[in-house]
Amino acid sequence: MKGLGELERSIMDILWAENAPLTAREVGRMIEDRDLAPTTVMTVLDRLSRKGFLTRTRDGRAWRYQPAASRDAYVAELMLEALEMTGDRDAALTRFAQAVSGSEAEILRKALTELEEE
């Protein structure tokens, strides 16, 4: 899984925030900071679909798009990819653990405890 470009990330942010699949036209209306051609939005949505970030279903003549996975799953995958890039996973994990806040460390402890209990 690769990182997203700026426009791809903006579109994914919109789709992650919605509870329902959206058409390209609906997504285009929700992009506030840019005046994009509808074909540009359709192209990016199609590209995200081919990359596996989105699923799409036909709705008349239009496609409706929704995220294939949650934002949390995407970020977790990015973190795992970053971890694989290091030559020393133990050192990277240790440094990460030292950098998180106390409440974040507690969340990690709870998650690890739940995994051990399974």
N, C-alpha and C. Protein backbone atom coordinates (compact mmCIF):
# COMPACT_ATOMS: atom_id res chain seq x y z
N MET A 1 0.86 -1.18 0.00
CA MET A 1 0.00 0.00 0.00
C MET A 1 0.89 1.23 0.00
N LYS A 2 0.64 2.11 -0.92
CA LYS A 2 1.44 3.33 -1.00
C LYS A 2 0.70 4.47 -0.34
N GLY A 3 1.45 5.54 -0.06
CA GLY A 3 0.84 6.73 0.45
C GLY A 3 -0.04 7.38 -0.61
N LEU A 4 -0.87 8.29 -0.18
CA LEU A 4 -1.78 8.97 -1.08
C LEU A 4 -1.24 10.34 -1.45
N GLY A 5 -1.51 10.78 -2.67
CA GLY A 5 -1.20 12.13 -3.07
C GLY A 5 -2.15 13.11 -2.40
N GLU A 6 -1.89 14.39 -2.56
CA GLU A 6 -2.69 15.41 -1.88
C GLU A 6 -4.17 15.36 -2.26
N LEU A 7 -4.46 15.29 -3.55
CA LEU A 7 -5.86 15.24 -3.99
C LEU A 7 -6.50 13.91 -3.60
N GLU A 8 -5.75 12.83 -3.73
CA GLU A 8 -6.27 11.52 -3.31
C GLU A 8 -6.62 11.54 -1.83
N ARG A 9 -5.75 12.12 -1.02
CA ARG A 9 -5.99 12.19 0.43
C ARG A 9 -7.22 13.04 0.73
N SER A 10 -7.38 14.16 0.01
CA SER A 10 -8.56 15.01 0.23
C SER A 10 -9.84 14.24 -0.08
N ILE A 11 -9.82 13.50 -1.16
CA ILE A 11 -11.00 12.72 -1.55
C ILE A 11 -11.25 11.59 -0.56
N MET A 12 -10.20 10.91 -0.13
CA MET A 12 -10.38 9.85 0.86
C MET A 12 -10.91 10.43 2.17
N ASP A 13 -10.43 11.60 2.59
CA ASP A 13 -10.93 12.23 3.81
C ASP A 13 -12.44 12.46 3.73
N ILE A 14 -12.91 12.91 2.57
CA ILE A 14 -14.34 13.13 2.37
C ILE A 14 -15.09 11.81 2.49
N LEU A 15 -14.61 10.79 1.80
CA LEU A 15 -15.30 9.50 1.81
C LEU A 15 -15.25 8.82 3.18
N TRP A 16 -14.12 8.96 3.88
CA TRP A 16 -14.05 8.38 5.23
C TRP A 16 -15.02 9.08 6.18
N ALA A 17 -15.27 10.35 5.95
CA ALA A 17 -16.16 11.11 6.84
C ALA A 17 -17.64 10.81 6.58
N GLU A 18 -17.95 10.27 5.43
CA GLU A 18 -19.35 10.00 5.07
C GLU A 18 -19.76 8.60 5.51
N ASN A 19 -21.05 8.44 5.74
CA ASN A 19 -21.59 7.13 6.13
C ASN A 19 -22.23 6.40 4.96
N ALA A 20 -22.15 7.01 3.78
CA ALA A 20 -22.80 6.40 2.61
C ALA A 20 -21.91 6.60 1.39
N PRO A 21 -22.03 5.71 0.41
CA PRO A 21 -21.27 5.88 -0.84
C PRO A 21 -21.68 7.17 -1.55
N LEU A 22 -20.70 7.81 -2.21
CA LEU A 22 -20.93 9.07 -2.90
C LEU A 22 -20.58 8.95 -4.37
N THR A 23 -21.25 9.76 -5.20
CA THR A 23 -20.91 9.85 -6.62
C THR A 23 -19.77 10.85 -6.79
N ALA A 24 -19.17 10.85 -7.97
CA ALA A 24 -18.10 11.80 -8.27
C ALA A 24 -18.60 13.23 -8.13
N ARG A 25 -19.81 13.48 -8.58
CA ARG A 25 -20.39 14.83 -8.48
C ARG A 25 -20.52 15.26 -7.02
N GLU A 26 -21.00 14.35 -6.17
CA GLU A 26 -21.14 14.67 -4.74
C GLU A 26 -19.78 14.93 -4.10
N VAL A 27 -18.80 14.12 -4.44
CA VAL A 27 -17.45 14.33 -3.90
C VAL A 27 -16.90 15.68 -4.37
N GLY A 28 -17.07 15.97 -5.66
CA GLY A 28 -16.59 17.23 -6.21
C GLY A 28 -17.17 18.43 -5.51
N ARG A 29 -18.44 18.38 -5.15
CA ARG A 29 -19.08 19.49 -4.43
C ARG A 29 -18.50 19.66 -3.03
N MET A 30 -17.99 18.59 -2.46
CA MET A 30 -17.50 18.64 -1.09
C MET A 30 -16.03 19.07 -0.99
N ILE A 31 -15.34 19.12 -2.10
CA ILE A 31 -13.95 19.59 -2.09
C ILE A 31 -14.00 21.11 -2.13
N GLU A 32 -13.75 21.73 -0.99
CA GLU A 32 -13.95 23.16 -0.84
C GLU A 32 -12.79 24.00 -1.35
N ASP A 33 -11.58 23.53 -1.21
CA ASP A 33 -10.42 24.38 -1.47
C ASP A 33 -9.98 24.37 -2.93
N ARG A 34 -10.66 23.65 -3.79
CA ARG A 34 -10.25 23.56 -5.19
C ARG A 34 -11.47 23.66 -6.10
N ASP A 35 -11.24 24.20 -7.28
CA ASP A 35 -12.27 24.23 -8.30
C ASP A 35 -11.86 23.22 -9.36
N LEU A 36 -12.29 21.98 -9.16
CA LEU A 36 -11.86 20.88 -10.02
C LEU A 36 -12.92 20.54 -11.05
N ALA A 37 -12.47 20.17 -12.22
CA ALA A 37 -13.38 19.67 -13.26
C ALA A 37 -13.95 18.33 -12.80
N PRO A 38 -15.20 18.08 -13.10
CA PRO A 38 -15.79 16.79 -12.72
C PRO A 38 -14.99 15.60 -13.24
N THR A 39 -14.40 15.74 -14.42
CA THR A 39 -13.62 14.63 -14.97
C THR A 39 -12.37 14.35 -14.14
N THR A 40 -11.81 15.39 -13.53
CA THR A 40 -10.65 15.20 -12.66
C THR A 40 -11.04 14.37 -11.44
N VAL A 41 -12.17 14.71 -10.84
CA VAL A 41 -12.64 13.96 -9.67
C VAL A 41 -12.92 12.52 -10.06
N MET A 42 -13.58 12.31 -11.23
CA MET A 42 -13.87 10.96 -11.69
C MET A 42 -12.58 10.16 -11.92
N THR A 43 -11.58 10.81 -12.49
CA THR A 43 -10.30 10.14 -12.75
C THR A 43 -9.64 9.70 -11.46
N VAL A 44 -9.63 10.59 -10.46
CA VAL A 44 -9.00 10.26 -9.18
C VAL A 44 -9.78 9.14 -8.48
N LEU A 45 -11.09 9.21 -8.51
CA LEU A 45 -11.90 8.15 -7.90
C LEU A 45 -11.66 6.81 -8.59
N ASP A 46 -11.57 6.82 -9.91
CA ASP A 46 -11.29 5.60 -10.65
C ASP A 46 -9.91 5.04 -10.29
N ARG A 47 -8.93 5.93 -10.19
CA ARG A 47 -7.57 5.51 -9.83
C ARG A 47 -7.55 4.91 -8.42
N LEU A 48 -8.24 5.56 -7.48
CA LEU A 48 -8.30 5.03 -6.11
C LEU A 48 -9.01 3.68 -6.08
N SER A 49 -9.99 3.51 -6.92
CA SER A 49 -10.69 2.23 -7.00
C SER A 49 -9.76 1.15 -7.54
N ARG A 50 -9.02 1.46 -8.59
CA ARG A 50 -8.09 0.48 -9.16
C ARG A 50 -6.96 0.15 -8.20
N LYS A 51 -6.56 1.09 -7.35
CA LYS A 51 -5.51 0.84 -6.36
C LYS A 51 -6.03 0.05 -5.16
N GLY A 52 -7.35 -0.13 -5.07
CA GLY A 52 -7.92 -0.90 -3.97
C GLY A 52 -8.33 -0.08 -2.77
N PHE A 53 -8.26 1.24 -2.86
CA PHE A 53 -8.66 2.09 -1.73
C PHE A 53 -10.17 2.26 -1.67
N LEU A 54 -10.85 2.14 -2.81
CA LEU A 54 -12.30 2.34 -2.88
C LEU A 54 -12.98 1.14 -3.52
N THR A 55 -14.23 0.95 -3.15
CA THR A 55 -15.10 0.04 -3.88
C THR A 55 -16.16 0.90 -4.55
N ARG A 56 -16.71 0.40 -5.63
CA ARG A 56 -17.73 1.19 -6.32
C ARG A 56 -18.89 0.30 -6.75
N THR A 57 -20.06 0.90 -6.75
CA THR A 57 -21.27 0.21 -7.20
C THR A 57 -22.00 1.12 -8.17
N ARG A 58 -22.65 0.50 -9.13
CA ARG A 58 -23.37 1.25 -10.16
C ARG A 58 -24.67 1.80 -9.57
N ASP A 59 -24.97 3.06 -9.89
CA ASP A 59 -26.22 3.69 -9.48
C ASP A 59 -26.75 4.43 -10.71
N GLY A 60 -27.55 3.73 -11.52
CA GLY A 60 -27.98 4.31 -12.79
C GLY A 60 -26.78 4.43 -13.72
N ARG A 61 -26.52 5.64 -14.19
CA ARG A 61 -25.36 5.87 -15.07
C ARG A 61 -24.11 6.23 -14.28
N ALA A 62 -24.26 6.50 -13.00
CA ALA A 62 -23.12 6.93 -12.17
C ALA A 62 -22.59 5.77 -11.34
N TRP A 63 -21.38 5.98 -10.83
CA TRP A 63 -20.80 5.06 -9.86
C TRP A 63 -20.88 5.72 -8.49
N ARG A 64 -21.10 4.91 -7.47
CA ARG A 64 -21.01 5.38 -6.08
C ARG A 64 -19.78 4.73 -5.47
N TYR A 65 -19.00 5.56 -4.78
CA TYR A 65 -17.72 5.12 -4.23
C TYR A 65 -17.75 5.16 -2.71
N GLN A 66 -17.08 4.18 -2.11
CA GLN A 66 -16.91 4.16 -0.66
C GLN A 66 -15.56 3.54 -0.34
N PRO A 67 -15.00 3.89 0.81
CA PRO A 67 -13.69 3.34 1.18
C PRO A 67 -13.74 1.82 1.31
N ALA A 68 -12.68 1.17 0.85
CA ALA A 68 -12.57 -0.28 0.99
C ALA A 68 -12.20 -0.66 2.42
N ALA A 69 -11.57 0.26 3.14
CA ALA A 69 -11.16 0.03 4.53
C ALA A 69 -11.26 1.35 5.29
N SER A 70 -11.24 1.25 6.59
CA SER A 70 -11.34 2.45 7.42
C SER A 70 -10.04 3.26 7.37
N ARG A 71 -10.13 4.51 7.79
CA ARG A 71 -8.93 5.35 7.91
C ARG A 71 -7.94 4.70 8.87
N ASP A 72 -8.44 4.15 9.97
CA ASP A 72 -7.56 3.50 10.95
C ASP A 72 -6.78 2.35 10.34
N ALA A 73 -7.45 1.55 9.51
CA ALA A 73 -6.78 0.43 8.85
C ALA A 73 -5.70 0.94 7.89
N TYR A 74 -6.00 2.01 7.17
CA TYR A 74 -5.03 2.60 6.25
C TYR A 74 -3.80 3.10 7.00
N VAL A 75 -4.02 3.84 8.09
CA VAL A 75 -2.90 4.39 8.86
C VAL A 75 -2.08 3.26 9.48
N ALA A 76 -2.75 2.23 9.99
CA ALA A 76 -2.03 1.09 10.56
C ALA A 76 -1.15 0.43 9.51
N GLU A 77 -1.66 0.30 8.29
CA GLU A 77 -0.87 -0.29 7.20
C GLU A 77 0.35 0.57 6.88
N LEU A 78 0.17 1.90 6.88
CA LEU A 78 1.31 2.79 6.66
C LEU A 78 2.36 2.63 7.76
N MET A 79 1.89 2.50 8.99
CA MET A 79 2.82 2.32 10.11
C MET A 79 3.60 1.01 9.97
N LEU A 80 2.91 -0.05 9.56
CA LEU A 80 3.58 -1.34 9.37
C LEU A 80 4.60 -1.27 8.23
N GLU A 81 4.26 -0.56 7.17
CA GLU A 81 5.20 -0.39 6.06
C GLU A 81 6.43 0.39 6.51
N ALA A 82 6.22 1.43 7.31
CA ALA A 82 7.35 2.21 7.82
C ALA A 82 8.23 1.33 8.71
N LEU A 83 7.61 0.49 9.51
CA LEU A 83 8.36 -0.40 10.37
C LEU A 83 9.21 -1.38 9.56
N GLU A 84 8.67 -1.84 8.44
CA GLU A 84 9.42 -2.77 7.59
C GLU A 84 10.61 -2.11 6.93
N MET A 85 10.59 -0.79 6.80
CA MET A 85 11.69 -0.07 6.14
C MET A 85 12.92 0.06 7.04
N THR A 86 12.75 -0.14 8.33
CA THR A 86 13.88 0.01 9.25
C THR A 86 14.72 -1.25 9.25
N GLY A 87 15.97 -1.09 9.53
CA GLY A 87 16.84 -2.25 9.63
C GLY A 87 16.75 -2.93 10.98
N ASP A 88 16.19 -2.24 11.95
CA ASP A 88 16.11 -2.76 13.31
C ASP A 88 14.71 -2.49 13.86
N ARG A 89 13.84 -3.46 13.67
CA ARG A 89 12.44 -3.30 14.10
C ARG A 89 12.34 -3.08 15.61
N ASP A 90 13.15 -3.79 16.38
CA ASP A 90 13.10 -3.64 17.83
C ASP A 90 13.42 -2.20 18.24
N ALA A 91 14.46 -1.63 17.64
CA ALA A 91 14.84 -0.25 17.97
C ALA A 91 13.75 0.73 17.55
N ALA A 92 13.16 0.50 16.38
CA ALA A 92 12.10 1.39 15.91
C ALA A 92 10.87 1.31 16.81
N LEU A 93 10.49 0.10 17.21
CA LEU A 93 9.35 -0.05 18.12
C LEU A 93 9.63 0.59 19.48
N THR A 94 10.85 0.41 19.97
CA THR A 94 11.22 1.01 21.26
C THR A 94 11.14 2.52 21.17
N ARG A 95 11.69 3.09 20.10
CA ARG A 95 11.67 4.54 19.92
C ARG A 95 10.23 5.04 19.80
N PHE A 96 9.39 4.31 19.10
CA PHE A 96 7.98 4.67 18.97
C PHE A 96 7.31 4.67 20.35
N ALA A 97 7.54 3.62 21.11
CA ALA A 97 6.94 3.51 22.45
C ALA A 97 7.38 4.66 23.35
N GLN A 98 8.62 5.10 23.21
CA GLN A 98 9.13 6.21 24.01
C GLN A 98 8.51 7.55 23.58
N ALA A 99 8.05 7.63 22.34
CA ALA A 99 7.55 8.89 21.81
C ALA A 99 6.05 9.12 22.05
N VAL A 100 5.31 8.06 22.34
CA VAL A 100 3.87 8.24 22.53
C VAL A 100 3.56 8.82 23.90
N SER A 101 2.38 9.43 24.01
CA SER A 101 1.96 10.01 25.28
C SER A 101 1.56 8.89 26.25
N GLY A 102 1.36 9.25 27.50
CA GLY A 102 0.94 8.29 28.50
C GLY A 102 -0.38 7.62 28.16
N SER A 103 -1.34 8.41 27.68
CA SER A 103 -2.64 7.83 27.34
C SER A 103 -2.54 6.93 26.11
N GLU A 104 -1.68 7.29 25.15
CA GLU A 104 -1.47 6.44 23.99
C GLU A 104 -0.78 5.14 24.39
N ALA A 105 0.16 5.22 25.33
CA ALA A 105 0.84 4.02 25.82
C ALA A 105 -0.17 3.09 26.50
N GLU A 106 -1.11 3.67 27.23
CA GLU A 106 -2.13 2.87 27.89
C GLU A 106 -3.01 2.15 26.86
N ILE A 107 -3.33 2.83 25.77
CA ILE A 107 -4.12 2.20 24.69
C ILE A 107 -3.34 1.03 24.10
N LEU A 108 -2.05 1.22 23.88
CA LEU A 108 -1.21 0.13 23.36
C LEU A 108 -1.16 -1.04 24.33
N ARG A 109 -0.98 -0.74 25.63
CA ARG A 109 -0.95 -1.80 26.64
C ARG A 109 -2.25 -2.61 26.63
N LYS A 110 -3.37 -1.89 26.57
CA LYS A 110 -4.67 -2.56 26.57
C LYS A 110 -4.82 -3.44 25.33
N ALA A 111 -4.43 -2.94 24.16
CA ALA A 111 -4.52 -3.73 22.92
C ALA A 111 -3.65 -4.97 23.01
N LEU A 112 -2.44 -4.83 23.53
CA LEU A 112 -1.54 -5.98 23.64
C LEU A 112 -2.07 -7.00 24.63
N THR A 113 -2.65 -6.54 25.74
CA THR A 113 -3.23 -7.44 26.72
C THR A 113 -4.39 -8.23 26.11
N GLU A 114 -5.23 -7.53 25.34
CA GLU A 114 -6.36 -8.20 24.68
C GLU A 114 -5.87 -9.24 23.68
N LEU A 115 -4.79 -8.96 22.98
CA LEU A 115 -4.22 -9.93 22.03
C LEU A 115 -3.71 -11.16 22.76
N GLU A 116 -3.06 -10.95 23.90
CA GLU A 116 -2.52 -12.08 24.67
C GLU A 116 -3.63 -12.96 25.22
N GLU A 117 -4.78 -12.37 25.51
CA GLU A 117 -5.89 -13.12 26.09
C GLU A 117 -6.65 -13.92 25.04
N GLU A 118 -6.45 -13.63 23.77
CA GLU A 118 -7.17 -14.36 22.71
C GLU A 118 -6.62 -15.74 22.49
